[in-house]
């Protein structure tokens, strides 16, 4: 049976967080130990509308992929 899972050591995965098209946070995502799952934490500069951009790059082939997703964060209340 052929496996279609990513060889973890062959990939770099980055998260960029944009607000009004300006990069406001960036973080390398680490392999979680679960196949095909990467995770990380970023600190956002408050509430508002953001765009998440996940970029995965495969070292051995030079292939890369990008996924973008909107995110709305409510402002913290005291």
Foldseek 3Di string as FASTA:
>chain_A
DDDPFDPQVQKWKKKFKADPNHTFWIDTWDDPPDTPDTDDDIDGPFWAKIKIKMKMAGNVPRDMDIDIDIDGGHGDDD
